[in-house]
Amino acid sequence: MRTAVARTFCAPADSANRTCGKAFTPNGPQAARSGEHRAVGVGKILLDNGFDVLVRALRLIPAAEFVIIGEAERGDQQSDREARRLRGLAERLGVADRLRVHAHATDAEIPELLRSADVVACTPTYEPSGVVSLEATACGVPGGGLRGRDLAASVNHLLRDSFLRRSLGTGGRNRAVARYSWDRIAVDTARLYEKSMSALAGERTAAS
């Protein structure tokens, strides 16, 4: 059972090796950046992912740029429309010079962009998996999910305190590797299956 589940979860296909694996580590190439602080957001560029929240918050976050790391494939018209809307919003708010949009980031580019960040902001209205936070912490970058003025205050607090950023980044990285490696996930999943099967066997024995 454990071997079968481990083999399934550690298969080197799709995104299984992305989180807490070889790609998402603090060490590796970093995307080029300006001299400003950098906050990033990751995901498909859709309205529900709340990238406009941080675009609006940029007015309250001086000397920082916001990089949107889009995961859409080229030709995704819905994401392209939302990217244009976000750029237009930034123009109206006077922060267009501090907005960078990588609408079609590749799997190789995403870790490089994450490593270049001071903080990762997670702003979707609904996030079922939390994988963006996990990928960021695997790269040693602090972040979290907040909205509105709370988001601006939290980002400003982190940007002002480099020691806090490093401490949170190191602690997050250690926890991500210890708790969310695919080997650990496979073992925990196998343990749950075994517990469920033992409970089911007990119920059948009691009923017989």
C-alpha atoms as a PDB file:
ATOM      1  CA  MET A   1       0.000   0.000   0.000  1.00  0.00           C
ATOM      2  CA  ARG A   2       2.647   2.553   1.036  1.00  0.00           C
ATOM      3  CA  THR A   3       4.841   1.727  -1.967  1.00  0.00           C
ATOM      4  CA  ALA A   4       1.929   2.032  -4.389  1.00  0.00           C
ATOM      5  CA  VAL A   5       0.784   5.386  -3.027  1.00  0.00           C
ATOM      6  CA  ALA A   6       4.361   6.725  -2.920  1.00  0.00           C
ATOM      7  CA  ARG A   7       4.861   5.693  -6.543  1.00  0.00           C
ATOM      8  CA  THR A   8       1.632   7.443  -7.519  1.00  0.00           C
ATOM      9  CA  PHE A   9       2.394  10.703  -5.711  1.00  0.00           C
ATOM     10  CA  CYS A  10       6.047  10.878  -6.737  1.00  0.00           C
ATOM     11  CA  ALA A  11       5.438  10.289 -10.437  1.00  0.00           C
ATOM     12  CA  PRO A  12       7.534  12.826 -12.385  1.00  0.00           C
ATOM     13  CA  ALA A  13       4.611  14.109 -14.412  1.00  0.00           C
ATOM     14  CA  ASP A  14       2.558  17.287 -14.685  1.00  0.00           C
ATOM     15  CA  SER A  15       2.905  19.525 -11.605  1.00  0.00           C
ATOM     16  CA  ALA A  16       3.751  16.804  -9.075  1.00  0.00           C
ATOM     17  CA  ASN A  17       7.421  17.739  -8.981  1.00  0.00           C
ATOM     18  CA  ARG A  18       6.782  21.468  -8.934  1.00  0.00           C
ATOM     19  CA  THR A  19       5.845  22.028  -5.313  1.00  0.00           C
ATOM     20  CA  CYS A  20       8.662  21.532  -2.802  1.00  0.00           C
ATOM     21  CA  GLY A  21      10.625  19.700  -5.458  1.00  0.00           C
ATOM     22  CA  LYS A  22      13.617  20.650  -7.569  1.00  0.00           C
ATOM     23  CA  ALA A  23      11.961  23.646  -9.218  1.00  0.00           C
ATOM     24  CA  PHE A  24      10.768  25.540  -6.135  1.00  0.00           C
ATOM     25  CA  THR A  25      13.821  26.181  -3.976  1.00  0.00           C
ATOM     26  CA  PRO A  26      15.483  29.374  -2.677  1.00  0.00           C
ATOM     27  CA  ASN A  27      18.569  28.602  -4.744  1.00  0.00           C
ATOM     28  CA  GLY A  28      18.479  29.108  -8.472  1.00  0.00           C
ATOM     29  CA  PRO A  29      18.101  31.779 -11.133  1.00  0.00           C
ATOM     30  CA  GLN A  30      16.194  34.936 -10.254  1.00  0.00           C
ATOM     31  CA  ALA A  31      14.266  37.107 -12.654  1.00  0.00           C
ATOM     32  CA  ALA A  32      15.734  40.553 -13.182  1.00  0.00           C
ATOM     33  CA  ARG A  33      14.147  43.318 -11.107  1.00  0.00           C
ATOM     34  CA  SER A  34      14.383  47.036 -10.548  1.00  0.00           C
ATOM     35  CA  GLY A  35      15.780  48.629  -7.413  1.00  0.00           C
ATOM     36  CA  GLU A  36      12.299  48.775  -5.871  1.00  0.00           C
ATOM     37  CA  HIS A  37      10.780  46.263  -3.526  1.00  0.00           C
ATOM     38  CA  ARG A  38       8.741  43.616  -5.306  1.00  0.00           C
ATOM     39  CA  ALA A  39       5.433  41.970  -4.463  1.00  0.00           C
ATOM     40  CA  VAL A  40       4.108  39.235  -6.714  1.00  0.00           C
ATOM     41  CA  GLY A  41       0.863  37.402  -7.290  1.00  0.00           C
ATOM     42  CA  VAL A  42       0.508  34.110  -9.134  1.00  0.00           C
ATOM     43  CA  GLY A  43      -2.360  32.466 -10.988  1.00  0.00           C
ATOM     44  CA  LYS A  44      -4.511  32.652 -14.051  1.00  0.00           C
ATOM     45  CA  ILE A  45      -5.328  36.279 -14.754  1.00  0.00           C
ATOM     46  CA  LEU A  46      -9.033  36.126 -13.996  1.00  0.00           C
ATOM     47  CA  LEU A  47     -11.318  38.484 -12.094  1.00  0.00           C
ATOM     48  CA  ASP A  48     -11.850  35.993  -9.250  1.00  0.00           C
ATOM     49  CA  ASN A  49      -8.114  35.854  -8.536  1.00  0.00           C
ATOM     50  CA  GLY A  50      -8.235  39.380  -7.162  1.00  0.00           C
ATOM     51  CA  PHE A  51      -5.131  40.847  -8.756  1.00  0.00           C
ATOM     52  CA  ASP A  52      -6.941  44.177  -8.867  1.00  0.00           C
ATOM     53  CA  VAL A  53      -6.863  44.196  -5.044  1.00  0.00           C
ATOM     54  CA  LEU A  54      -3.086  44.641  -5.014  1.00  0.00           C
ATOM     55  CA  VAL A  55      -3.145  47.002  -7.988  1.00  0.00           C
ATOM     56  CA  ARG A  56      -5.405  49.260  -5.888  1.00  0.00           C
ATOM     57  CA  ALA A  57      -3.255  48.706  -2.798  1.00  0.00           C
ATOM     58  CA  LEU A  58      -0.160  49.930  -4.672  1.00  0.00           C
ATOM     59  CA  ARG A  59      -1.308  53.475  -3.950  1.00  0.00           C
ATOM     60  CA  LEU A  60      -0.643  52.702  -0.264  1.00  0.00           C
ATOM     61  CA  ILE A  61       2.604  50.770  -0.857  1.00  0.00           C
ATOM     62  CA  PRO A  62       5.291  53.272  -1.913  1.00  0.00           C
ATOM     63  CA  ALA A  63       8.521  52.247  -3.621  1.00  0.00           C
ATOM     64  CA  ALA A  64       7.266  48.795  -4.563  1.00  0.00           C
ATOM     65  CA  GLU A  65       6.318  47.144  -7.816  1.00  0.00           C
ATOM     66  CA  PHE A  66       3.671  44.485  -8.318  1.00  0.00           C
ATOM     67  CA  VAL A  67       4.398  41.587 -10.661  1.00  0.00           C
ATOM     68  CA  ILE A  68       1.525  39.425 -11.842  1.00  0.00           C
ATOM     69  CA  ILE A  69       2.731  35.946 -12.778  1.00  0.00           C
ATOM     70  CA  GLY A  70       0.055  34.669 -15.132  1.00  0.00           C
ATOM     71  CA  GLU A  71      -0.349  30.955 -15.740  1.00  0.00           C
ATOM     72  CA  ALA A  72      -2.577  31.160 -18.804  1.00  0.00           C
ATOM     73  CA  GLU A  73      -1.595  29.647 -22.120  1.00  0.00           C
ATOM     74  CA  ARG A  74      -1.005  31.993 -25.014  1.00  0.00           C
ATOM     75  CA  GLY A  75      -4.229  32.742 -26.821  1.00  0.00           C
ATOM     76  CA  ASP A  76      -6.345  32.616 -23.650  1.00  0.00           C
ATOM     77  CA  GLN A  77      -8.669  35.497 -24.521  1.00  0.00           C
ATOM     78  CA  GLN A  78     -10.297  35.693 -21.091  1.00  0.00           C
ATOM     79  CA  SER A  79      -6.938  36.152 -19.357  1.00  0.00           C
ATOM     80  CA  ASP A  80      -5.781  38.617 -21.995  1.00  0.00           C
ATOM     81  CA  ARG A  81      -8.921  40.736 -21.449  1.00  0.00           C
ATOM     82  CA  GLU A  82      -8.372  40.749 -17.691  1.00  0.00           C
ATOM     83  CA  ALA A  83      -4.716  41.696 -18.154  1.00  0.00           C
ATOM     84  CA  ARG A  84      -5.785  44.679 -20.267  1.00  0.00           C
ATOM     85  CA  ARG A  85      -8.329  45.658 -17.610  1.00  0.00           C
ATOM     86  CA  LEU A  86      -5.663  45.529 -14.891  1.00  0.00           C
ATOM     87  CA  ARG A  87      -3.276  47.667 -16.929  1.00  0.00           C
ATOM     88  CA  GLY A  88      -6.084  50.169 -17.526  1.00  0.00           C
ATOM     89  CA  LEU A  89      -6.899  50.220 -13.807  1.00  0.00           C
ATOM     90  CA  ALA A  90      -3.238  50.868 -12.993  1.00  0.00           C
ATOM     91  CA  GLU A  91      -3.197  53.748 -15.480  1.00  0.00           C
ATOM     92  CA  ARG A  92      -6.259  55.344 -13.868  1.00  0.00           C
ATOM     93  CA  LEU A  93      -4.769  54.964 -10.384  1.00  0.00           C
ATOM     94  CA  GLY A  94      -1.407  56.393 -11.404  1.00  0.00           C
ATOM     95  CA  VAL A  95       0.577  53.222 -10.618  1.00  0.00           C
ATOM     96  CA  ALA A  96       1.055  51.836 -14.121  1.00  0.00           C
ATOM     97  CA  ASP A  97       4.815  52.400 -13.917  1.00  0.00           C
ATOM     98  CA  ARG A  98       4.937  49.933 -11.004  1.00  0.00           C
ATOM     99  CA  LEU A  99       2.845  47.143 -12.521  1.00  0.00           C
ATOM    100  CA  ARG A 100       4.504  44.279 -14.419  1.00  0.00           C
ATOM    101  CA  VAL A 101       2.335  41.627 -16.067  1.00  0.00           C
ATOM    102  CA  HIS A 102       3.818  38.306 -17.187  1.00  0.00           C
ATOM    103  CA  ALA A 103       0.595  36.990 -18.636  1.00  0.00           C
ATOM    104  CA  HIS A 104       1.978  33.707 -19.959  1.00  0.00           C
ATOM    105  CA  ALA A 105       4.741  32.667 -17.568  1.00  0.00           C
ATOM    106  CA  THR A 106       6.209  29.225 -18.236  1.00  0.00           C
ATOM    107  CA  ASP A 107       6.853  26.562 -15.603  1.00  0.00           C
ATOM    108  CA  ALA A 108      10.542  27.464 -15.744  1.00  0.00           C
ATOM    109  CA  GLU A 109       9.893  31.197 -15.310  1.00  0.00           C
ATOM    110  CA  ILE A 110       7.551  30.947 -12.313  1.00  0.00           C
ATOM    111  CA  PRO A 111      10.200  29.875  -9.741  1.00  0.00           C
ATOM    112  CA  GLU A 112      12.599  32.522 -11.074  1.00  0.00           C
ATOM    113  CA  LEU A 113       9.958  35.230 -10.655  1.00  0.00           C
ATOM    114  CA  LEU A 114       9.044  33.991  -7.178  1.00  0.00           C
ATOM    115  CA  ARG A 115      12.689  34.096  -6.063  1.00  0.00           C
ATOM    116  CA  SER A 116      12.896  37.713  -7.219  1.00  0.00           C
ATOM    117  CA  ALA A 117      10.082  38.740  -4.849  1.00  0.00           C
ATOM    118  CA  ASP A 118      10.200  40.255  -1.380  1.00  0.00           C
ATOM    119  CA  VAL A 119       6.672  39.082  -0.633  1.00  0.00           C
ATOM    120  CA  VAL A 120       3.917  37.060  -2.316  1.00  0.00           C
ATOM    121  CA  ALA A 121       0.343  38.295  -2.020  1.00  0.00           C
ATOM    122  CA  CYS A 122      -2.472  35.764  -2.388  1.00  0.00           C
ATOM    123  CA  THR A 123      -5.686  37.639  -3.174  1.00  0.00           C
ATOM    124  CA  PRO A 124      -8.204  35.243  -4.808  1.00  0.00           C
ATOM    125  CA  THR A 125     -11.787  35.324  -3.590  1.00  0.00           C
ATOM    126  CA  TYR A 126     -11.613  31.528  -3.385  1.00  0.00           C
ATOM    127  CA  GLU A 127      -8.494  29.344  -3.220  1.00  0.00           C
ATOM    128  CA  PRO A 128      -9.182  25.609  -2.787  1.00  0.00           C
ATOM    129  CA  SER A 129      -5.591  24.356  -2.759  1.00  0.00           C
ATOM    130  CA  GLY A 130      -3.273  27.027  -1.378  1.00  0.00           C
ATOM    131  CA  VAL A 131      -0.609  25.885  -3.825  1.00  0.00           C
ATOM    132  CA  VAL A 132       0.643  29.421  -4.548  1.00  0.00           C
ATOM    133  CA  SER A 133       1.482  30.017  -0.888  1.00  0.00           C
ATOM    134  CA  LEU A 134       3.192  26.636  -0.775  1.00  0.00           C
ATOM    135  CA  GLU A 135       5.281  27.333  -3.880  1.00  0.00           C
ATOM    136  CA  ALA A 136       6.290  30.729  -2.504  1.00  0.00           C
ATOM    137  CA  THR A 137       7.338  29.359   0.881  1.00  0.00           C
ATOM    138  CA  ALA A 138       9.254  26.564  -0.871  1.00  0.00           C
ATOM    139  CA  CYS A 139      11.250  29.361  -2.522  1.00  0.00           C
ATOM    140  CA  GLY A 140      11.811  31.013   0.858  1.00  0.00           C
ATOM    141  CA  VAL A 141       9.519  33.974   0.130  1.00  0.00           C
ATOM    142  CA  PRO A 142       6.958  35.051   2.766  1.00  0.00           C
ATOM    143  CA  GLY A 143       3.382  35.771   1.854  1.00  0.00           C
ATOM    144  CA  GLY A 144      -0.243  35.225   2.616  1.00  0.00           C
ATOM    145  CA  GLY A 145      -3.813  36.100   1.796  1.00  0.00           C
ATOM    146  CA  LEU A 146      -5.188  39.495   2.807  1.00  0.00           C
ATOM    147  CA  ARG A 147      -7.347  42.129   1.183  1.00  0.00           C
ATOM    148  CA  GLY A 148      -7.860  45.885   1.168  1.00  0.00           C
ATOM    149  CA  ARG A 149      -6.045  48.089   3.669  1.00  0.00           C
ATOM    150  CA  ASP A 150      -5.006  45.011   5.661  1.00  0.00           C
ATOM    151  CA  LEU A 151      -3.098  43.843   2.594  1.00  0.00           C
ATOM    152  CA  ALA A 152      -1.296  47.169   2.161  1.00  0.00           C
ATOM    153  CA  ALA A 153      -0.424  47.357   5.867  1.00  0.00           C
ATOM    154  CA  SER A 154       0.921  43.790   5.926  1.00  0.00           C
ATOM    155  CA  VAL A 155       2.988  44.218   2.760  1.00  0.00           C
ATOM    156  CA  ASN A 156       4.425  47.514   4.018  1.00  0.00           C
ATOM    157  CA  HIS A 157       5.313  45.891   7.348  1.00  0.00           C
ATOM    158  CA  LEU A 158       7.200  43.092   5.606  1.00  0.00           C
ATOM    159  CA  LEU A 159       8.965  45.410   3.177  1.00  0.00           C
ATOM    160  CA  ARG A 160      10.224  47.595   6.026  1.00  0.00           C
ATOM    161  CA  ASP A 161      11.652  44.657   7.992  1.00  0.00           C
ATOM    162  CA  SER A 162      14.203  42.588   6.067  1.00  0.00           C
ATOM    163  CA  PHE A 163      15.002  40.442   9.117  1.00  0.00           C
ATOM    164  CA  LEU A 164      11.332  39.501   9.482  1.00  0.00           C
ATOM    165  CA  ARG A 165      11.137  38.629   5.781  1.00  0.00           C
ATOM    166  CA  ARG A 166      14.174  36.377   6.010  1.00  0.00           C
ATOM    167  CA  SER A 167      12.905  34.728   9.197  1.00  0.00           C
ATOM    168  CA  LEU A 168       9.461  34.040   7.760  1.00  0.00           C
ATOM    169  CA  GLY A 169      10.960  32.872   4.492  1.00  0.00           C
ATOM    170  CA  THR A 170      13.365  30.446   6.170  1.00  0.00           C
ATOM    171  CA  GLY A 171      10.715  29.118   8.553  1.00  0.00           C
ATOM    172  CA  GLY A 172       8.221  28.708   5.738  1.00  0.00           C
ATOM    173  CA  ARG A 173      10.744  26.899   3.568  1.00  0.00           C
ATOM    174  CA  ASN A 174      11.610  24.474   6.374  1.00  0.00           C
ATOM    175  CA  ARG A 175       7.964  23.720   7.055  1.00  0.00           C
ATOM    176  CA  ALA A 176       7.151  23.308   3.367  1.00  0.00           C
ATOM    177  CA  VAL A 177       9.941  20.778   2.898  1.00  0.00           C
ATOM    178  CA  ALA A 178       9.165  18.899   6.133  1.00  0.00           C
ATOM    179  CA  ARG A 179       5.400  18.813   5.799  1.00  0.00           C
ATOM    180  CA  TYR A 180       4.573  19.051   2.113  1.00  0.00           C
ATOM    181  CA  SER A 181       7.185  17.075   0.214  1.00  0.00           C
ATOM    182  CA  TRP A 182       5.599  14.503  -2.057  1.00  0.00           C
ATOM    183  CA  ASP A 183       7.240  11.700  -0.069  1.00  0.00           C
ATOM    184  CA  ARG A 184       5.552  12.994   3.108  1.00  0.00           C
ATOM    185  CA  ILE A 185       2.208  13.444   1.325  1.00  0.00           C
ATOM    186  CA  ALA A 186       2.425   9.875  -0.006  1.00  0.00           C
ATOM    187  CA  VAL A 187       3.131   8.469   3.467  1.00  0.00           C
ATOM    188  CA  ASP A 188       0.304  10.474   5.060  1.00  0.00           C
ATOM    189  CA  THR A 189      -2.107   9.422   2.323  1.00  0.00           C
ATOM    190  CA  ALA A 190      -1.158   5.772   2.731  1.00  0.00           C
ATOM    191  CA  ARG A 191      -1.681   6.088   6.486  1.00  0.00           C
ATOM    192  CA  LEU A 192      -5.185   7.495   5.959  1.00  0.00           C
ATOM    193  CA  TYR A 193      -6.059   4.697   3.539  1.00  0.00           C
ATOM    194  CA  GLU A 194      -4.804   2.079   5.985  1.00  0.00           C
ATOM    195  CA  LYS A 195      -6.782   3.647   8.832  1.00  0.00           C
ATOM    196  CA  SER A 196      -9.952   3.743   6.732  1.00  0.00           C
ATOM    197  CA  MET A 197      -9.502   0.146   5.582  1.00  0.00           C
ATOM    198  CA  SER A 198      -8.908  -1.029   9.169  1.00  0.00           C
ATOM    199  CA  ALA A 199     -12.056   0.771  10.328  1.00  0.00           C
ATOM    200  CA  LEU A 200     -14.076  -0.747   7.477  1.00  0.00           C
ATOM    201  CA  ALA A 201     -12.740  -4.224   8.264  1.00  0.00           C
ATOM    202  CA  GLY A 202     -13.730  -3.718  11.922  1.00  0.00           C
ATOM    203  CA  GLU A 203     -17.256  -2.721  10.951  1.00  0.00           C
ATOM    204  CA  ARG A 204     -17.628  -5.781   8.741  1.00  0.00           C
ATOM    205  CA  THR A 205     -16.349  -8.048  11.516  1.00  0.00           C
ATOM    206  CA  ALA A 206     -18.774  -6.522  14.014  1.00  0.00           C
ATOM    207  CA  ALA A 207     -21.667  -6.926  11.573  1.00  0.00           C
ATOM    208  CA  SER A 208     -20.952 -10.586  10.854  1.00  0.00           C
END
